[in-house]
Amino acid sequence: MVEAGSQTEAPDIETMRETVNRLLEPDAVPEALPPAADELGTLTLLLREHLDLLMPQVEQRAKRLPKDSVTRFCAFACLGEARDRLRATPSSAPGGDVAYGRRLARVLNALCDHYENVSAGHQGAGQ
């Protein structure tokens, strides 16, 4: 889907959230096992690609909000967190790759929320 007056294709938030849930769902059920190594590698790559796609779109939309908008501030804070997560590398400790994937999943999930908020034009307090 392409937005009116835009050359940028709208992100598929539903697919992004499905990818997030594939990594975070095991947290909801303690006895669930994390994905196998090959699936984890694929999911981590997908999460990184989703972040690379979504981050500029959130930033572009957040810039349209007033400078004193709480929604704008929160979106930019999340963008900073996402950049930090993308620069980080998995720990070499046992389970480090799973923990890294889950950190990416959580920040992508938050960024999806921010995308929806800034796209809807929510400004928050201090409008």
Protein backbone atom coordinates (compact mmCIF):
# COMPACT_ATOMS: atom_id res chain seq x y z
CA MET A 1 0.00 0.00 0.00
CA VAL A 2 1.32 3.45 -0.92
CA GLU A 3 0.23 6.51 1.01
CA ALA A 4 -1.31 9.38 -0.92
CA GLY A 5 1.31 11.97 -1.78
CA SER A 6 4.15 9.67 -0.74
CA GLN A 7 6.58 7.49 -2.58
CA THR A 8 7.14 5.39 0.54
CA GLU A 9 5.33 2.11 0.89
CA ALA A 10 3.56 1.75 4.23
CA PRO A 11 5.20 -0.87 6.46
CA ASP A 12 3.40 -4.12 7.16
CA ILE A 13 3.00 -3.65 10.91
CA GLU A 14 1.01 -6.88 11.25
CA THR A 15 3.86 -8.95 9.78
CA MET A 16 6.38 -7.12 11.97
CA ARG A 17 4.36 -7.93 15.08
CA GLU A 18 4.07 -11.59 14.02
CA THR A 19 7.88 -11.74 13.76
CA VAL A 20 8.16 -10.11 17.20
CA ASN A 21 5.75 -12.64 18.69
CA ARG A 22 7.74 -15.58 17.34
CA LEU A 23 10.60 -14.52 19.60
CA LEU A 24 8.70 -13.08 22.55
CA GLU A 25 5.95 -15.70 22.88
CA PRO A 26 8.28 -18.12 24.70
CA ASP A 27 8.54 -15.50 27.46
CA ALA A 28 4.82 -15.92 28.10
CA VAL A 29 5.18 -19.65 28.70
CA PRO A 30 8.27 -20.41 30.85
CA GLU A 31 8.56 -24.03 29.70
CA ALA A 32 8.62 -23.03 26.00
CA LEU A 33 11.98 -23.47 24.31
CA PRO A 34 13.61 -20.66 22.33
CA PRO A 35 13.79 -21.11 18.55
CA ALA A 36 16.46 -23.40 17.09
CA ALA A 37 19.72 -21.69 16.07
CA ASP A 38 18.92 -21.53 12.35
CA GLU A 39 15.41 -20.14 13.00
CA LEU A 40 16.83 -17.67 15.52
CA GLY A 41 19.32 -16.42 12.93
CA THR A 42 16.54 -15.94 10.40
CA LEU A 43 14.28 -14.18 12.93
CA THR A 44 17.11 -11.89 14.05
CA LEU A 45 17.84 -10.94 10.44
CA LEU A 46 14.13 -10.27 9.84
CA LEU A 47 13.93 -8.09 12.96
CA ARG A 48 16.93 -6.06 11.79
CA GLU A 49 15.37 -5.62 8.34
CA HIS A 50 12.05 -4.58 9.85
CA LEU A 51 13.82 -2.01 12.04
CA ASP A 52 15.76 -0.66 9.05
CA LEU A 53 12.48 -0.21 7.17
CA LEU A 54 10.44 1.23 10.02
CA MET A 55 12.90 3.60 11.67
CA PRO A 56 13.05 6.22 8.89
CA GLN A 57 9.27 6.19 8.57
CA VAL A 58 8.76 6.79 12.29
CA GLU A 59 11.35 9.56 12.22
CA GLN A 60 9.77 11.23 9.19
CA ARG A 61 6.31 11.22 10.77
CA ALA A 62 7.54 12.27 14.22
CA LYS A 63 9.24 15.32 12.70
CA ARG A 64 5.81 16.52 11.56
CA LEU A 65 4.60 16.75 15.16
CA PRO A 66 5.13 19.93 17.22
CA LYS A 67 8.56 20.12 18.86
CA ASP A 68 7.00 20.07 22.33
CA SER A 69 4.88 16.98 21.60
CA VAL A 70 5.28 14.14 24.08
CA THR A 71 4.55 11.64 21.29
CA ARG A 72 7.37 13.14 19.22
CA PHE A 73 9.79 13.00 22.16
CA CYS A 74 8.90 9.36 22.93
CA ALA A 75 9.21 8.32 19.28
CA PHE A 76 12.69 9.86 19.07
CA ALA A 77 13.71 8.18 22.33
CA CYS A 78 12.61 4.83 20.92
CA LEU A 79 14.51 5.52 17.69
CA GLY A 80 17.66 6.10 19.75
CA GLU A 81 17.10 2.83 21.58
CA ALA A 82 16.58 1.01 18.27
CA ARG A 83 19.84 2.42 16.88
CA ASP A 84 21.65 1.29 20.03
CA ARG A 85 20.19 -2.23 19.69
CA LEU A 86 21.22 -2.44 16.04
CA ARG A 87 24.80 -1.39 16.90
CA ALA A 88 25.05 -3.96 19.69
CA THR A 89 26.17 -7.54 19.16
CA PRO A 90 24.97 -10.71 20.85
CA SER A 91 26.78 -11.74 24.02
CA SER A 92 29.02 -14.79 23.73
CA ALA A 93 27.50 -16.12 26.96
CA PRO A 94 25.10 -19.06 26.70
CA GLY A 95 21.74 -17.73 25.53
CA GLY A 96 23.29 -14.43 24.42
CA ASP A 97 21.97 -14.79 20.89
CA VAL A 98 18.42 -15.41 22.14
CA ALA A 99 18.61 -12.45 24.53
CA TYR A 100 19.87 -10.23 21.69
CA GLY A 101 17.04 -11.35 19.40
CA ARG A 102 14.50 -10.67 22.13
CA ARG A 103 15.90 -7.17 22.73
CA LEU A 104 15.50 -6.46 19.01
CA ALA A 105 11.97 -7.86 19.14
CA ARG A 106 11.00 -5.66 22.08
CA VAL A 107 12.34 -2.48 20.47
CA LEU A 108 10.63 -3.34 17.17
CA ASN A 109 7.36 -3.88 19.01
CA ALA A 110 7.72 -0.47 20.69
CA LEU A 111 8.60 1.15 17.37
CA CYS A 112 5.45 -0.35 15.81
CA ASP A 113 3.46 1.33 18.58
CA HIS A 114 5.20 4.64 17.91
CA TYR A 115 4.59 4.31 14.17
CA GLU A 116 0.87 3.90 14.81
CA ASN A 117 0.83 6.87 17.22
CA VAL A 118 2.76 9.28 15.00
CA SER A 119 0.81 8.18 11.92
CA ALA A 120 -2.42 8.96 13.74
CA GLY A 121 -1.03 12.36 14.71
CA HIS A 122 -1.30 11.77 18.47
CA GLN A 123 0.58 14.56 20.15
CA GLY A 124 0.29 13.80 23.84
CA ALA A 125 0.40 16.36 26.64
CA GLY A 126 2.08 19.67 25.91
CA GLN A 127 0.44 19.89 22.50
